[in-house]
């Protein structure tokens, strides 16, 4: 019974590290996509930020989704 208690904290630690790693990858992807959007198409980026500041996140999410989709499509074409 004591060995089961020793295994569980290690599993919880592995899950927490994995969860933090996934959150970091998602945050880095969103940050990179946002920067790419602002650099490659500043007018669209400004429009999405304006809509976001008014409480409408849909244009921002669509623009970021399009940037990530285009990046993944280009990556898979390369591979």
C-alpha atoms as a PDB file:
ATOM      1  CA  UNK A   1       0.000   0.000   0.000  1.00  0.00           C
ATOM      2  CA  UNK A   2       2.850   2.396   0.704  1.00  0.00           C
ATOM      3  CA  UNK A   3       4.339   1.747  -2.766  1.00  0.00           C
ATOM      4  CA  UNK A   4       1.077   2.899  -4.364  1.00  0.00           C
ATOM      5  CA  UNK A   5       1.346   6.165  -2.469  1.00  0.00           C
ATOM      6  CA  UNK A   6       4.873   6.699  -3.737  1.00  0.00           C
ATOM      7  CA  UNK A   7       3.882   6.131  -7.364  1.00  0.00           C
ATOM      8  CA  UNK A   8       0.935   8.535  -7.380  1.00  0.00           C
ATOM      9  CA  UNK A   9       2.873  11.739  -6.594  1.00  0.00           C
ATOM     10  CA  UNK A  10       5.287  10.934  -9.402  1.00  0.00           C
ATOM     11  CA  UNK A  11       2.393  10.509 -11.843  1.00  0.00           C
ATOM     12  CA  UNK A  12       0.930  13.814 -10.672  1.00  0.00           C
ATOM     13  CA  UNK A  13       4.296  15.481 -11.220  1.00  0.00           C
ATOM     14  CA  UNK A  14       4.540  14.044 -14.728  1.00  0.00           C
ATOM     15  CA  UNK A  15       1.038  15.234 -15.559  1.00  0.00           C
ATOM     16  CA  UNK A  16       1.736  18.714 -14.241  1.00  0.00           C
ATOM     17  CA  UNK A  17       4.959  19.003 -16.237  1.00  0.00           C
ATOM     18  CA  UNK A  18       3.168  17.787 -19.363  1.00  0.00           C
ATOM     19  CA  UNK A  19       0.296  20.209 -18.811  1.00  0.00           C
ATOM     20  CA  UNK A  20       2.669  23.124 -18.262  1.00  0.00           C
ATOM     21  CA  UNK A  21       4.605  22.129 -21.382  1.00  0.00           C
ATOM     22  CA  UNK A  22       1.448  22.018 -23.492  1.00  0.00           C
ATOM     23  CA  UNK A  23       0.324  25.390 -22.142  1.00  0.00           C
ATOM     24  CA  UNK A  24       3.748  26.814 -22.989  1.00  0.00           C
ATOM     25  CA  UNK A  25       3.639  25.500 -26.545  1.00  0.00           C
ATOM     26  CA  UNK A  26       0.138  26.910 -27.058  1.00  0.00           C
ATOM     27  CA  UNK A  27       1.152  30.290 -25.614  1.00  0.00           C
ATOM     28  CA  UNK A  28       4.275  30.442 -27.781  1.00  0.00           C
ATOM     29  CA  UNK A  29       2.263  29.505 -30.873  1.00  0.00           C
ATOM     30  CA  UNK A  30      -0.338  32.198 -30.217  1.00  0.00           C
ATOM     31  CA  UNK A  31       2.360  34.794 -29.502  1.00  0.00           C
ATOM     32  CA  UNK A  32       4.251  33.924 -32.670  1.00  0.00           C
ATOM     33  CA  UNK A  33       1.085  33.956 -34.765  1.00  0.00           C
ATOM     34  CA  UNK A  34       0.085  37.335 -33.337  1.00  0.00           C
ATOM     35  CA  UNK A  35       3.485  38.825 -34.101  1.00  0.00           C
ATOM     36  CA  UNK A  36       3.437  37.330 -37.594  1.00  0.00           C
ATOM     37  CA  UNK A  37      -0.032  38.749 -38.209  1.00  0.00           C
ATOM     38  CA  UNK A  38       1.034  42.210 -37.089  1.00  0.00           C
ATOM     39  CA  UNK A  39       4.197  42.117 -39.213  1.00  0.00           C
ATOM     40  CA  UNK A  40       2.783  40.531 -42.366  1.00  0.00           C
ATOM     41  CA  UNK A  41      -0.599  42.294 -42.480  1.00  0.00           C
ATOM     42  CA  UNK A  42      -0.673  45.299 -40.141  1.00  0.00           C
ATOM     43  CA  UNK A  43      -4.045  46.587 -41.362  1.00  0.00           C
ATOM     44  CA  UNK A  44      -5.796  43.284 -40.645  1.00  0.00           C
ATOM     45  CA  UNK A  45      -3.942  43.081 -37.333  1.00  0.00           C
ATOM     46  CA  UNK A  46      -5.100  46.561 -36.373  1.00  0.00           C
ATOM     47  CA  UNK A  47      -8.692  45.743 -37.339  1.00  0.00           C
ATOM     48  CA  UNK A  48      -8.662  42.581 -35.241  1.00  0.00           C
ATOM     49  CA  UNK A  49      -7.161  44.381 -32.235  1.00  0.00           C
ATOM     50  CA  UNK A  50      -9.782  47.107 -32.592  1.00  0.00           C
ATOM     51  CA  UNK A  51     -12.581  44.534 -32.647  1.00  0.00           C
ATOM     52  CA  UNK A  52     -10.973  42.726 -29.715  1.00  0.00           C
ATOM     53  CA  UNK A  53     -10.858  45.913 -27.654  1.00  0.00           C
ATOM     54  CA  UNK A  54     -14.591  46.355 -28.298  1.00  0.00           C
ATOM     55  CA  UNK A  55     -15.255  42.913 -26.837  1.00  0.00           C
ATOM     56  CA  UNK A  56     -15.532  40.892 -30.055  1.00  0.00           C
ATOM     57  CA  UNK A  57     -12.850  38.177 -30.129  1.00  0.00           C
ATOM     58  CA  UNK A  58     -14.143  36.430 -33.273  1.00  0.00           C
ATOM     59  CA  UNK A  59     -12.108  38.392 -35.890  1.00  0.00           C
ATOM     60  CA  UNK A  60      -8.934  37.965 -33.837  1.00  0.00           C
ATOM     61  CA  UNK A  61      -9.430  34.235 -33.478  1.00  0.00           C
ATOM     62  CA  UNK A  62     -10.220  33.880 -37.200  1.00  0.00           C
ATOM     63  CA  UNK A  63      -7.100  35.823 -38.173  1.00  0.00           C
ATOM     64  CA  UNK A  64      -4.867  33.878 -35.788  1.00  0.00           C
ATOM     65  CA  UNK A  65      -6.418  30.604 -36.966  1.00  0.00           C
ATOM     66  CA  UNK A  66      -5.729  31.534 -40.582  1.00  0.00           C
ATOM     67  CA  UNK A  67      -2.100  32.389 -39.780  1.00  0.00           C
ATOM     68  CA  UNK A  68      -1.556  29.097 -37.922  1.00  0.00           C
ATOM     69  CA  UNK A  69      -3.307  27.136 -40.695  1.00  0.00           C
ATOM     70  CA  UNK A  70      -1.155  28.755 -43.382  1.00  0.00           C
ATOM     71  CA  UNK A  71       2.003  28.053 -41.373  1.00  0.00           C
ATOM     72  CA  UNK A  72       1.092  24.396 -40.875  1.00  0.00           C
ATOM     73  CA  UNK A  73       0.131  24.015 -44.529  1.00  0.00           C
ATOM     74  CA  UNK A  74       3.479  25.461 -45.601  1.00  0.00           C
ATOM     75  CA  UNK A  75       5.307  23.215 -43.144  1.00  0.00           C
ATOM     76  CA  UNK A  76       3.585  20.072 -44.410  1.00  0.00           C
ATOM     77  CA  UNK A  77       4.266  21.037 -48.028  1.00  0.00           C
ATOM     78  CA  UNK A  78       7.914  21.385 -47.133  1.00  0.00           C
ATOM     79  CA  UNK A  79       8.031  17.985 -45.470  1.00  0.00           C
END
